């Protein structure tokens, strides 16, 4: 006996056939789950099958002369509804990272689920020291929840005739963390100041700013001052707060210095575009090249106290001579002593 398939949905048609070697030809009768059916013949046709017709079908062959009965091997027929209305239910209260637990349950409105598979972000969800599954995988528990548990979860319900998937977005509130100020550390008076505060937080954090320990009126992530004054110099701190977790965190101190106008536009160099130049001075004898003394301008001091290195080992320098006409290119010897040109 060989059915076309083992699994069927309600309303399907099922055809079973039975054969036996017999002389004279055998007579056939059918049984379901050990109970004889009022159905005879070599074929059994079931129309519009329902779940109560699932079970083990056996064909009995009978020889009317020998009076022998022989049963076929059983054939299992399973009628299953298609799975539909899959749904995940989750926590109704806000979840706080490190403190709360979450339980997700997956059920279908119709159909029999034979297997369940849990996924997070389209990747299989695996058990861990925080994640456990019920025996039939109808539910998953996460305790305690962490910020990494945020995201979309899927539950895939399957049986041999259908599959249905439900989705659920889990939100874990956390932070603020990693509070950081980005922006300039120096600005000229009259120029615009822009500092940006960032924080990792769910939901998004709110921000307040302090300058030299005094709270300002700025309550956004961006601190902007259109025209900087010398009073804007000092220590800036950003405080991020999460209204759900009740936590607040401060950034590291950001130091801003307001300098006088024009002090930063040319890096504080009076010599401007002179790079790797050599100053040559005559030693009383302008017509004698051997008397030229070189000063390698290799380092300039900036007005703010910093330095700028100029030139490279391959720099080609020019002799500056008095009354000798065209300048002549040369390379400063290795023993050249360096001179520092300072601003006044």
C-alpha atoms as a PDB file:
ATOM      1  CA  UNK A   1       0.000   0.000   0.000  1.00  0.00           C
ATOM      2  CA  UNK A   2       1.473   3.335  -1.035  1.00  0.00           C
ATOM      3  CA  UNK A   3      -0.225   6.717  -0.407  1.00  0.00           C
ATOM      4  CA  UNK A   4       0.826   9.747  -2.453  1.00  0.00           C
ATOM      5  CA  UNK A   5       1.854  11.676   0.671  1.00  0.00           C
ATOM      6  CA  UNK A   6       1.889  11.242   4.424  1.00  0.00           C
ATOM      7  CA  UNK A   7       0.621  14.729   5.347  1.00  0.00           C
ATOM      8  CA  UNK A   8      -2.494  16.510   4.097  1.00  0.00           C
ATOM      9  CA  UNK A   9      -4.403  19.670   4.827  1.00  0.00           C
ATOM     10  CA  UNK A  10      -8.145  19.518   5.606  1.00  0.00           C
ATOM     11  CA  UNK A  11     -10.225  19.258   2.455  1.00  0.00           C
ATOM     12  CA  UNK A  12      -7.618  17.274   0.524  1.00  0.00           C
ATOM     13  CA  UNK A  13      -8.274  14.058  -1.399  1.00  0.00           C
ATOM     14  CA  UNK A  14      -6.374  10.917  -0.411  1.00  0.00           C
ATOM     15  CA  UNK A  15      -6.022   7.828  -2.601  1.00  0.00           C
ATOM     16  CA  UNK A  16      -4.758   4.516  -1.193  1.00  0.00           C
ATOM     17  CA  UNK A  17      -4.281   1.365  -3.252  1.00  0.00           C
ATOM     18  CA  UNK A  18      -3.632  -2.211  -2.198  1.00  0.00           C
ATOM     19  CA  UNK A  19      -2.384  -5.296  -4.089  1.00  0.00           C
ATOM     20  CA  UNK A  20      -1.774  -8.955  -3.245  1.00  0.00           C
ATOM     21  CA  UNK A  21      -0.688 -12.116  -5.065  1.00  0.00           C
ATOM     22  CA  UNK A  22      -3.584 -14.518  -4.808  1.00  0.00           C
ATOM     23  CA  UNK A  23      -5.447 -17.174  -6.779  1.00  0.00           C
ATOM     24  CA  UNK A  24      -8.271 -16.692  -7.059  1.00  0.00           C
ATOM     25  CA  UNK A  25      -7.878 -12.854  -6.843  1.00  0.00           C
ATOM     26  CA  UNK A  26      -8.073 -11.584  -3.299  1.00  0.00           C
ATOM     27  CA  UNK A  27     -10.828  -9.498  -1.843  1.00  0.00           C
ATOM     28  CA  UNK A  28      -9.863  -6.319   0.071  1.00  0.00           C
ATOM     29  CA  UNK A  29     -11.171  -4.529   3.103  1.00  0.00           C
ATOM     30  CA  UNK A  30      -9.806  -1.465   4.904  1.00  0.00           C
ATOM     31  CA  UNK A  31      -9.185  -0.612   8.560  1.00  0.00           C
ATOM     32  CA  UNK A  32      -8.323   2.659  10.354  1.00  0.00           C
ATOM     33  CA  UNK A  33      -6.506   2.512  13.678  1.00  0.00           C
ATOM     34  CA  UNK A  34      -7.464  -1.160  14.023  1.00  0.00           C
ATOM     35  CA  UNK A  35     -11.172  -0.609  13.352  1.00  0.00           C
ATOM     36  CA  UNK A  36     -12.637  -2.116  10.188  1.00  0.00           C
ATOM     37  CA  UNK A  37     -14.165   0.401   7.813  1.00  0.00           C
ATOM     38  CA  UNK A  38     -17.221  -0.153   5.710  1.00  0.00           C
ATOM     39  CA  UNK A  39     -15.032   0.173   2.645  1.00  0.00           C
ATOM     40  CA  UNK A  40     -14.085  -2.674   0.300  1.00  0.00           C
ATOM     41  CA  UNK A  41     -12.074  -2.819  -2.877  1.00  0.00           C
ATOM     42  CA  UNK A  42      -8.482  -2.552  -4.025  1.00  0.00           C
ATOM     43  CA  UNK A  43      -8.567   1.286  -3.774  1.00  0.00           C
ATOM     44  CA  UNK A  44      -9.615   3.569  -0.943  1.00  0.00           C
ATOM     45  CA  UNK A  45     -10.536   7.109  -1.934  1.00  0.00           C
ATOM     46  CA  UNK A  46     -11.038   9.692   0.785  1.00  0.00           C
ATOM     47  CA  UNK A  47     -12.577  12.992  -0.271  1.00  0.00           C
ATOM     48  CA  UNK A  48     -12.453  16.165   1.796  1.00  0.00           C
ATOM     49  CA  UNK A  49     -10.423  14.553   4.568  1.00  0.00           C
ATOM     50  CA  UNK A  50     -10.530  16.039   8.060  1.00  0.00           C
ATOM     51  CA  UNK A  51      -8.271  15.823  11.088  1.00  0.00           C
ATOM     52  CA  UNK A  52     -10.337  12.993  12.643  1.00  0.00           C
ATOM     53  CA  UNK A  53      -9.420  10.825   9.662  1.00  0.00           C
ATOM     54  CA  UNK A  54      -5.730  10.899  10.568  1.00  0.00           C
ATOM     55  CA  UNK A  55      -4.233   7.600  11.625  1.00  0.00           C
ATOM     56  CA  UNK A  56      -2.906   4.228  10.573  1.00  0.00           C
ATOM     57  CA  UNK A  57      -4.589   2.660   7.525  1.00  0.00           C
ATOM     58  CA  UNK A  58      -4.286  -1.084   6.864  1.00  0.00           C
ATOM     59  CA  UNK A  59      -5.513  -3.132   3.898  1.00  0.00           C
ATOM     60  CA  UNK A  60      -6.682  -6.724   4.510  1.00  0.00           C
ATOM     61  CA  UNK A  61      -6.515  -9.205   1.620  1.00  0.00           C
ATOM     62  CA  UNK A  62      -8.829 -12.275   1.816  1.00  0.00           C
ATOM     63  CA  UNK A  63      -8.729 -15.459  -0.290  1.00  0.00           C
ATOM     64  CA  UNK A  64     -12.213 -16.963  -0.326  1.00  0.00           C
ATOM     65  CA  UNK A  65     -10.918 -20.449  -1.178  1.00  0.00           C
ATOM     66  CA  UNK A  66      -7.977 -20.752   1.164  1.00  0.00           C
ATOM     67  CA  UNK A  67      -9.799 -18.594   3.737  1.00  0.00           C
ATOM     68  CA  UNK A  68      -6.533 -16.869   4.518  1.00  0.00           C
ATOM     69  CA  UNK A  69      -6.325 -13.175   5.584  1.00  0.00           C
ATOM     70  CA  UNK A  70      -3.171 -11.091   5.119  1.00  0.00           C
ATOM     71  CA  UNK A  71      -2.699  -7.511   6.349  1.00  0.00           C
ATOM     72  CA  UNK A  72      -0.558  -4.905   4.607  1.00  0.00           C
ATOM     73  CA  UNK A  73       1.980  -2.731   6.369  1.00  0.00           C
ATOM     74  CA  UNK A  74       0.258   0.249   7.986  1.00  0.00           C
ATOM     75  CA  UNK A  75       0.249   3.573   6.144  1.00  0.00           C
ATOM     76  CA  UNK A  76       0.140   6.706   8.310  1.00  0.00           C
ATOM     77  CA  UNK A  77      -2.062   9.559   7.125  1.00  0.00           C
ATOM     78  CA  UNK A  78      -1.855  12.853   9.044  1.00  0.00           C
ATOM     79  CA  UNK A  79      -4.254  15.717   8.389  1.00  0.00           C
ATOM     80  CA  UNK A  80      -2.876  19.065   9.625  1.00  0.00           C
ATOM     81  CA  UNK A  81      -4.249  22.578   9.506  1.00  0.00           C
ATOM     82  CA  UNK A  82      -2.092  25.276   8.009  1.00  0.00           C
ATOM     83  CA  UNK A  83      -0.443  27.432  10.666  1.00  0.00           C
ATOM     84  CA  UNK A  84      -1.765  30.994  10.714  1.00  0.00           C
ATOM     85  CA  UNK A  85      -1.944  33.956  13.046  1.00  0.00           C
ATOM     86  CA  UNK A  86       1.500  33.453  14.579  1.00  0.00           C
ATOM     87  CA  UNK A  87       2.163  36.059  17.262  1.00  0.00           C
ATOM     88  CA  UNK A  88       4.847  36.880  19.820  1.00  0.00           C
ATOM     89  CA  UNK A  89       3.815  38.433  23.118  1.00  0.00           C
ATOM     90  CA  UNK A  90       6.366  40.210  25.270  1.00  0.00           C
ATOM     91  CA  UNK A  91       6.808  42.377  28.375  1.00  0.00           C
ATOM     92  CA  UNK A  92       4.323  45.168  29.010  1.00  0.00           C
ATOM     93  CA  UNK A  93       6.604  47.163  31.341  1.00  0.00           C
ATOM     94  CA  UNK A  94       9.707  49.147  30.262  1.00  0.00           C
ATOM     95  CA  UNK A  95      12.895  47.108  30.389  1.00  0.00           C
ATOM     96  CA  UNK A  96      16.026  48.490  32.082  1.00  0.00           C
ATOM     97  CA  UNK A  97      19.398  47.032  31.123  1.00  0.00           C
ATOM     98  CA  UNK A  98      20.979  45.052  33.942  1.00  0.00           C
ATOM     99  CA  UNK A  99      17.809  45.065  36.069  1.00  0.00           C
ATOM    100  CA  UNK A 100      14.842  43.689  34.103  1.00  0.00           C
ATOM    101  CA  UNK A 101      13.935  40.285  32.654  1.00  0.00           C
ATOM    102  CA  UNK A 102      12.016  39.618  29.440  1.00  0.00           C
ATOM    103  CA  UNK A 103       9.853  36.652  28.495  1.00  0.00           C
ATOM    104  CA  UNK A 104       8.756  36.186  24.880  1.00  0.00           C
ATOM    105  CA  UNK A 105       5.984  33.681  24.042  1.00  0.00           C
ATOM    106  CA  UNK A 106       5.098  32.461  20.552  1.00  0.00           C
ATOM    107  CA  UNK A 107       1.708  30.963  19.637  1.00  0.00           C
ATOM    108  CA  UNK A 108      -0.440  30.511  16.523  1.00  0.00           C
ATOM    109  CA  UNK A 109      -4.152  31.252  16.191  1.00  0.00           C
ATOM    110  CA  UNK A 110      -4.692  28.146  14.033  1.00  0.00           C
ATOM    111  CA  UNK A 111      -2.804  25.023  13.048  1.00  0.00           C
ATOM    112  CA  UNK A 112      -0.597  22.583  14.898  1.00  0.00           C
ATOM    113  CA  UNK A 113       3.038  23.618  15.315  1.00  0.00           C
ATOM    114  CA  UNK A 114       5.445  20.732  15.227  1.00  0.00           C
ATOM    115  CA  UNK A 115       8.626  22.791  15.373  1.00  0.00           C
ATOM    116  CA  UNK A 116       9.574  26.274  16.568  1.00  0.00           C
ATOM    117  CA  UNK A 117      12.687  28.270  15.750  1.00  0.00           C
ATOM    118  CA  UNK A 118      13.737  31.560  17.372  1.00  0.00           C
ATOM    119  CA  UNK A 119      15.835  34.133  15.562  1.00  0.00           C
ATOM    120  CA  UNK A 120      17.250  37.572  16.300  1.00  0.00           C
ATOM    121  CA  UNK A 121      18.084  39.761  13.335  1.00  0.00           C
ATOM    122  CA  UNK A 122      17.638  36.786  10.960  1.00  0.00           C
ATOM    123  CA  UNK A 123      20.256  34.772  12.893  1.00  0.00           C
ATOM    124  CA  UNK A 124      19.394  31.745  15.062  1.00  0.00           C
ATOM    125  CA  UNK A 125      18.993  32.635  18.734  1.00  0.00           C
ATOM    126  CA  UNK A 126      21.122  30.362  20.880  1.00  0.00           C
ATOM    127  CA  UNK A 127      20.824  29.602  24.594  1.00  0.00           C
ATOM    128  CA  UNK A 128      23.353  31.156  26.972  1.00  0.00           C
ATOM    129  CA  UNK A 129      23.756  31.941  30.652  1.00  0.00           C
ATOM    130  CA  UNK A 130      21.125  34.685  30.156  1.00  0.00           C
ATOM    131  CA  UNK A 131      18.924  33.134  27.449  1.00  0.00           C
ATOM    132  CA  UNK A 132      16.838  30.000  28.142  1.00  0.00           C
ATOM    133  CA  UNK A 133      14.080  28.230  26.171  1.00  0.00           C
ATOM    134  CA  UNK A 134      11.055  26.292  27.352  1.00  0.00           C
ATOM    135  CA  UNK A 135      11.063  22.573  26.571  1.00  0.00           C
ATOM    136  CA  UNK A 136       8.818  22.953  23.524  1.00  0.00           C
ATOM    137  CA  UNK A 137      10.497  26.250  22.557  1.00  0.00           C
ATOM    138  CA  UNK A 138       7.193  28.083  22.760  1.00  0.00           C
ATOM    139  CA  UNK A 139       8.848  30.746  24.910  1.00  0.00           C
ATOM    140  CA  UNK A 140      12.277  32.270  25.538  1.00  0.00           C
ATOM    141  CA  UNK A 141      13.449  34.052  28.671  1.00  0.00           C
ATOM    142  CA  UNK A 142      16.221  36.680  28.840  1.00  0.00           C
ATOM    143  CA  UNK A 143      17.483  37.577  32.313  1.00  0.00           C
ATOM    144  CA  UNK A 144      18.828  40.098  32.889  1.00  0.00           C
ATOM    145  CA  UNK A 145      18.365  42.038  29.673  1.00  0.00           C
ATOM    146  CA  UNK A 146      21.284  44.046  28.290  1.00  0.00           C
ATOM    147  CA  UNK A 147      21.545  46.791  25.676  1.00  0.00           C
ATOM    148  CA  UNK A 148      22.760  44.188  23.173  1.00  0.00           C
ATOM    149  CA  UNK A 149      19.343  42.482  23.409  1.00  0.00           C
ATOM    150  CA  UNK A 150      17.688  45.383  21.582  1.00  0.00           C
ATOM    151  CA  UNK A 151      16.355  44.434  18.156  1.00  0.00           C
ATOM    152  CA  UNK A 152      13.841  42.367  16.215  1.00  0.00           C
ATOM    153  CA  UNK A 153      13.064  38.793  17.230  1.00  0.00           C
ATOM    154  CA  UNK A 154      11.334  36.217  15.026  1.00  0.00           C
ATOM    155  CA  UNK A 155       9.514  33.016  15.890  1.00  0.00           C
ATOM    156  CA  UNK A 156       9.123  30.556  13.017  1.00  0.00           C
ATOM    157  CA  UNK A 157       6.368  27.953  13.480  1.00  0.00           C
ATOM    158  CA  UNK A 158       6.331  24.963  11.148  1.00  0.00           C
ATOM    159  CA  UNK A 159       4.541  21.750  10.370  1.00  0.00           C
ATOM    160  CA  UNK A 160       4.866  19.548   7.282  1.00  0.00           C
ATOM    161  CA  UNK A 161       2.211  21.494   5.373  1.00  0.00           C
ATOM    162  CA  UNK A 162       2.928  25.126   6.328  1.00  0.00           C
ATOM    163  CA  UNK A 163       5.176  27.719   7.981  1.00  0.00           C
ATOM    164  CA  UNK A 164       4.307  31.017   9.622  1.00  0.00           C
ATOM    165  CA  UNK A 165       6.603  33.642  11.171  1.00  0.00           C
ATOM    166  CA  UNK A 166       5.918  36.273  13.815  1.00  0.00           C
ATOM    167  CA  UNK A 167       8.110  39.293  14.638  1.00  0.00           C
ATOM    168  CA  UNK A 168       8.589  41.313  17.810  1.00  0.00           C
ATOM    169  CA  UNK A 169      10.761  44.361  18.487  1.00  0.00           C
ATOM    170  CA  UNK A 170      12.350  44.253  21.933  1.00  0.00           C
ATOM    171  CA  UNK A 171      13.394  47.610  23.397  1.00  0.00           C
ATOM    172  CA  UNK A 172      15.853  47.659  26.276  1.00  0.00           C
ATOM    173  CA  UNK A 173      16.393  51.062  27.872  1.00  0.00           C
ATOM    174  CA  UNK A 174      19.990  51.809  28.846  1.00  0.00           C
ATOM    175  CA  UNK A 175      22.500  54.566  29.343  1.00  0.00           C
ATOM    176  CA  UNK A 176      23.590  57.199  28.980  1.00  0.00           C
ATOM    177  CA  UNK A 177      27.049  55.820  28.240  1.00  0.00           C
ATOM    178  CA  UNK A 178      30.197  57.082  26.505  1.00  0.00           C
ATOM    179  CA  UNK A 179      29.378  60.783  26.924  1.00  0.00           C
ATOM    180  CA  UNK A 180      31.820  62.755  24.760  1.00  0.00           C
ATOM    181  CA  UNK A 181      32.373  66.371  23.683  1.00  0.00           C
ATOM    182  CA  UNK A 182      33.805  67.077  20.236  1.00  0.00           C
ATOM    183  CA  UNK A 183      34.860  70.500  18.994  1.00  0.00           C
ATOM    184  CA  UNK A 184      37.627  73.081  18.785  1.00  0.00           C
ATOM    185  CA  UNK A 185      40.005  73.745  21.661  1.00  0.00           C
ATOM    186  CA  UNK A 186      41.076  77.194  20.386  1.00  0.00           C
ATOM    187  CA  UNK A 187      39.110  79.948  18.739  1.00  0.00           C
ATOM    188  CA  UNK A 188      39.722  83.621  17.935  1.00  0.00           C
ATOM    189  CA  UNK A 189      37.655  86.246  19.669  1.00  0.00           C
ATOM    190  CA  UNK A 190      34.563  87.094  17.613  1.00  0.00           C
ATOM    191  CA  UNK A 191      34.497  83.708  15.868  1.00  0.00           C
ATOM    192  CA  UNK A 192      31.786  81.068  16.272  1.00  0.00           C
ATOM    193  CA  UNK A 193      32.170  78.294  18.837  1.00  0.00           C
ATOM    194  CA  UNK A 194      30.489  74.921  18.184  1.00  0.00           C
ATOM    195  CA  UNK A 195      30.771  71.990  20.582  1.00  0.00           C
ATOM    196  CA  UNK A 196      28.863  68.734  20.112  1.00  0.00           C
ATOM    197  CA  UNK A 197      27.965  66.322  22.894  1.00  0.00           C
ATOM    198  CA  UNK A 198      27.121  62.679  22.117  1.00  0.00           C
ATOM    199  CA  UNK A 199      26.011  59.748  24.258  1.00  0.00           C
ATOM    200  CA  UNK A 200      24.896  56.164  23.728  1.00  0.00           C
ATOM    201  CA  UNK A 201      21.404  55.948  25.209  1.00  0.00           C
ATOM    202  CA  UNK A 202      17.933  54.425  24.756  1.00  0.00           C
ATOM    203  CA  UNK A 203      15.816  56.482  24.661  1.00  0.00           C
ATOM    204  CA  UNK A 204      17.909  59.431  23.441  1.00  0.00           C
ATOM    205  CA  UNK A 205      19.479  61.422  26.240  1.00  0.00           C
ATOM    206  CA  UNK A 206      18.790  65.030  27.106  1.00  0.00           C
ATOM    207  CA  UNK A 207      21.753  67.366  27.613  1.00  0.00           C
ATOM    208  CA  UNK A 208      22.833  70.243  29.816  1.00  0.00           C
ATOM    209  CA  UNK A 209      26.126  72.196  29.702  1.00  0.00           C
ATOM    210  CA  UNK A 210      28.299  73.746  32.362  1.00  0.00           C
ATOM    211  CA  UNK A 211      31.110  76.281  31.932  1.00  0.00           C
ATOM    212  CA  UNK A 212      33.644  76.491  34.733  1.00  0.00           C
ATOM    213  CA  UNK A 213      31.204  74.670  37.002  1.00  0.00           C
ATOM    214  CA  UNK A 214      28.242  76.946  36.299  1.00  0.00           C
ATOM    215  CA  UNK A 215      25.230  75.554  34.434  1.00  0.00           C
ATOM    216  CA  UNK A 216      24.468  77.339  31.176  1.00  0.00           C
ATOM    217  CA  UNK A 217      21.114  77.861  29.468  1.00  0.00           C
ATOM    218  CA  UNK A 218      22.012  75.443  26.656  1.00  0.00           C
ATOM    219  CA  UNK A 219      19.922  72.238  26.821  1.00  0.00           C
ATOM    220  CA  UNK A 220      20.672  70.658  23.459  1.00  0.00           C
ATOM    221  CA  UNK A 221      23.380  68.331  22.183  1.00  0.00           C
ATOM    222  CA  UNK A 222      25.035  71.213  20.318  1.00  0.00           C
ATOM    223  CA  UNK A 223      26.549  74.189  22.125  1.00  0.00           C
ATOM    224  CA  UNK A 224      26.859  77.209  19.802  1.00  0.00           C
ATOM    225  CA  UNK A 225      28.170  80.702  20.528  1.00  0.00           C
ATOM    226  CA  UNK A 226      28.126  82.961  17.463  1.00  0.00           C
ATOM    227  CA  UNK A 227      30.654  85.530  18.715  1.00  0.00           C
ATOM    228  CA  UNK A 228      33.193  84.202  21.163  1.00  0.00           C
ATOM    229  CA  UNK A 229      34.449  86.478  23.918  1.00  0.00           C
ATOM    230  CA  UNK A 230      37.313  85.983  26.316  1.00  0.00           C
ATOM    231  CA  UNK A 231      34.741  85.005  28.945  1.00  0.00           C
ATOM    232  CA  UNK A 232      33.987  81.899  26.878  1.00  0.00           C
ATOM    233  CA  UNK A 233      37.404  80.458  27.707  1.00  0.00           C
ATOM    234  CA  UNK A 234      37.331  77.703  30.291  1.00  0.00           C
ATOM    235  CA  UNK A 235      36.283  74.179  31.160  1.00  0.00           C
ATOM    236  CA  UNK A 236      33.170  72.812  29.441  1.00  0.00           C
ATOM    237  CA  UNK A 237      31.259  69.780  30.692  1.00  0.00           C
ATOM    238  CA  UNK A 238      28.248  68.080  29.113  1.00  0.00           C
ATOM    239  CA  UNK A 239      25.780  66.127  31.276  1.00  0.00           C
ATOM    240  CA  UNK A 240      23.580  63.512  29.545  1.00  0.00           C
ATOM    241  CA  UNK A 241      20.435  62.208  31.261  1.00  0.00           C
ATOM    242  CA  UNK A 242      18.054  59.322  30.458  1.00  0.00           C
ATOM    243  CA  UNK A 243      14.508  59.949  31.675  1.00  0.00           C
ATOM    244  CA  UNK A 244      13.578  56.224  31.660  1.00  0.00           C
ATOM    245  CA  UNK A 245      16.620  54.702  33.375  1.00  0.00           C
ATOM    246  CA  UNK A 246      16.949  57.701  35.678  1.00  0.00           C
ATOM    247  CA  UNK A 247      20.702  57.742  35.086  1.00  0.00           C
ATOM    248  CA  UNK A 248      22.951  60.666  34.205  1.00  0.00           C
ATOM    249  CA  UNK A 249      26.575  60.797  33.105  1.00  0.00           C
ATOM    250  CA  UNK A 250      29.070  63.629  32.653  1.00  0.00           C
ATOM    251  CA  UNK A 251      31.633  63.995  29.900  1.00  0.00           C
ATOM    252  CA  UNK A 252      35.299  64.613  30.459  1.00  0.00           C
ATOM    253  CA  UNK A 253      36.238  68.291  30.743  1.00  0.00           C
ATOM    254  CA  UNK A 254      36.708  70.023  27.390  1.00  0.00           C
ATOM    255  CA  UNK A 255      39.061  73.003  27.604  1.00  0.00           C
ATOM    256  CA  UNK A 256      38.428  75.926  25.246  1.00  0.00           C
ATOM    257  CA  UNK A 257      40.786  78.907  24.900  1.00  0.00           C
ATOM    258  CA  UNK A 258      39.672  82.142  23.240  1.00  0.00           C
ATOM    259  CA  UNK A 259      42.636  84.003  21.693  1.00  0.00           C
ATOM    260  CA  UNK A 260      43.013  87.456  20.200  1.00  0.00           C
ATOM    261  CA  UNK A 261      41.881  88.188  16.680  1.00  0.00           C
ATOM    262  CA  UNK A 262      44.304  87.059  13.969  1.00  0.00           C
ATOM    263  CA  UNK A 263      46.408  84.934  16.284  1.00  0.00           C
ATOM    264  CA  UNK A 264      45.270  81.625  14.791  1.00  0.00           C
ATOM    265  CA  UNK A 265      44.654  82.507  11.153  1.00  0.00           C
ATOM    266  CA  UNK A 266      48.376  82.263  10.150  1.00  0.00           C
ATOM    267  CA  UNK A 267      49.434  79.844  12.874  1.00  0.00           C
ATOM    268  CA  UNK A 268      51.101  82.771  14.669  1.00  0.00           C
ATOM    269  CA  UNK A 269      54.063  83.057  12.286  1.00  0.00           C
ATOM    270  CA  UNK A 270      55.430  86.460  11.341  1.00  0.00           C
ATOM    271  CA  UNK A 271      57.457  84.978   8.505  1.00  0.00           C
ATOM    272  CA  UNK A 272      54.391  83.581   6.719  1.00  0.00           C
ATOM    273  CA  UNK A 273      55.353  81.657   3.606  1.00  0.00           C
ATOM    274  CA  UNK A 274      59.082  81.342   4.251  1.00  0.00           C
ATOM    275  CA  UNK A 275      59.745  77.609   4.539  1.00  0.00           C
ATOM    276  CA  UNK A 276      63.194  76.098   4.887  1.00  0.00           C
ATOM    277  CA  UNK A 277      64.888  79.418   4.098  1.00  0.00           C
ATOM    278  CA  UNK A 278      68.459  80.251   4.932  1.00  0.00           C
ATOM    279  CA  UNK A 279      69.499  83.661   6.124  1.00  0.00           C
ATOM    280  CA  UNK A 280      72.967  84.549   4.900  1.00  0.00           C
ATOM    281  CA  UNK A 281      74.978  87.364   6.460  1.00  0.00           C
ATOM    282  CA  UNK A 282      78.256  88.785   5.227  1.00  0.00           C
ATOM    283  CA  UNK A 283      81.119  88.985   7.687  1.00  0.00           C
ATOM    284  CA  UNK A 284      82.410  92.431   6.738  1.00  0.00           C
ATOM    285  CA  UNK A 285      83.569  91.144   3.329  1.00  0.00           C
ATOM    286  CA  UNK A 286      80.596  91.090   0.962  1.00  0.00           C
ATOM    287  CA  UNK A 287      82.678  90.049  -2.036  1.00  0.00           C
ATOM    288  CA  UNK A 288      84.067  86.920  -0.385  1.00  0.00           C
ATOM    289  CA  UNK A 289      81.735  83.885  -0.612  1.00  0.00           C
ATOM    290  CA  UNK A 290      83.799  82.068   1.983  1.00  0.00           C
ATOM    291  CA  UNK A 291      82.808  84.647   4.544  1.00  0.00           C
ATOM    292  CA  UNK A 292      79.044  83.954   4.208  1.00  0.00           C
ATOM    293  CA  UNK A 293      77.518  82.734   7.479  1.00  0.00           C
ATOM    294  CA  UNK A 294      74.291  80.642   7.294  1.00  0.00           C
ATOM    295  CA  UNK A 295      71.458  80.471   9.747  1.00  0.00           C
ATOM    296  CA  UNK A 296      69.035  77.591   9.073  1.00  0.00           C
ATOM    297  CA  UNK A 297      65.502  78.693   9.897  1.00  0.00           C
ATOM    298  CA  UNK A 298      64.315  75.212  10.852  1.00  0.00           C
ATOM    299  CA  UNK A 299      61.935  76.021  13.702  1.00  0.00           C
ATOM    300  CA  UNK A 300      59.524  78.920  14.201  1.00  0.00           C
ATOM    301  CA  UNK A 301      57.874  79.792  17.483  1.00  0.00           C
ATOM    302  CA  UNK A 302      54.124  80.419  17.374  1.00  0.00           C
ATOM    303  CA  UNK A 303      52.570  83.198  19.415  1.00  0.00           C
ATOM    304  CA  UNK A 304      50.693  80.696  21.557  1.00  0.00           C
ATOM    305  CA  UNK A 305      53.936  79.031  22.627  1.00  0.00           C
ATOM    306  CA  UNK A 306      53.863  76.162  20.099  1.00  0.00           C
ATOM    307  CA  UNK A 307      56.482  75.495  17.412  1.00  0.00           C
ATOM    308  CA  UNK A 308      56.431  74.662  13.714  1.00  0.00           C
ATOM    309  CA  UNK A 309      59.221  72.687  12.044  1.00  0.00           C
ATOM    310  CA  UNK A 310      60.213  73.853   8.561  1.00  0.00           C
ATOM    311  CA  UNK A 311      62.269  72.312   5.782  1.00  0.00           C
ATOM    312  CA  UNK A 312      63.506  68.760   5.213  1.00  0.00           C
ATOM    313  CA  UNK A 313      66.971  67.195   4.923  1.00  0.00           C
ATOM    314  CA  UNK A 314      66.693  67.581   1.143  1.00  0.00           C
ATOM    315  CA  UNK A 315      65.887  71.315   1.310  1.00  0.00           C
ATOM    316  CA  UNK A 316      67.899  73.339  -1.223  1.00  0.00           C
ATOM    317  CA  UNK A 317      68.909  76.722   0.125  1.00  0.00           C
ATOM    318  CA  UNK A 318      69.955  79.949  -1.567  1.00  0.00           C
ATOM    319  CA  UNK A 319      72.995  82.043  -0.686  1.00  0.00           C
ATOM    320  CA  UNK A 320      72.056  85.634  -0.044  1.00  0.00           C
ATOM    321  CA  UNK A 321      75.062  87.764  -0.956  1.00  0.00           C
ATOM    322  CA  UNK A 322      75.707  91.454  -1.057  1.00  0.00           C
ATOM    323  CA  UNK A 323      76.659  93.096  -4.354  1.00  0.00           C
ATOM    324  CA  UNK A 324      77.347  89.765  -6.053  1.00  0.00           C
ATOM    325  CA  UNK A 325      74.432  89.702  -8.489  1.00  0.00           C
ATOM    326  CA  UNK A 326      72.432  86.466  -9.017  1.00  0.00           C
ATOM    327  CA  UNK A 327      71.850  84.185  -6.053  1.00  0.00           C
ATOM    328  CA  UNK A 328      73.522  80.789  -6.072  1.00  0.00           C
ATOM    329  CA  UNK A 329      71.861  77.535  -4.914  1.00  0.00           C
ATOM    330  CA  UNK A 330      73.640  75.429  -2.365  1.00  0.00           C
ATOM    331  CA  UNK A 331      72.917  72.816   0.265  1.00  0.00           C
ATOM    332  CA  UNK A 332      73.634  73.589   3.866  1.00  0.00           C
ATOM    333  CA  UNK A 333      76.379  71.322   5.258  1.00  0.00           C
ATOM    334  CA  UNK A 334      75.511  68.665   7.801  1.00  0.00           C
ATOM    335  CA  UNK A 335      77.296  70.609  10.544  1.00  0.00           C
ATOM    336  CA  UNK A 336      74.998  73.613  10.077  1.00  0.00           C
ATOM    337  CA  UNK A 337      73.957  75.055  13.412  1.00  0.00           C
ATOM    338  CA  UNK A 338      70.240  75.847  13.703  1.00  0.00           C
ATOM    339  CA  UNK A 339      68.850  79.165  14.757  1.00  0.00           C
ATOM    340  CA  UNK A 340      65.386  79.826  16.150  1.00  0.00           C
ATOM    341  CA  UNK A 341      63.466  82.835  14.873  1.00  0.00           C
ATOM    342  CA  UNK A 342      61.141  84.148  17.568  1.00  0.00           C
ATOM    343  CA  UNK A 343      58.109  86.420  17.261  1.00  0.00           C
ATOM    344  CA  UNK A 344      58.045  89.723  19.016  1.00  0.00           C
END
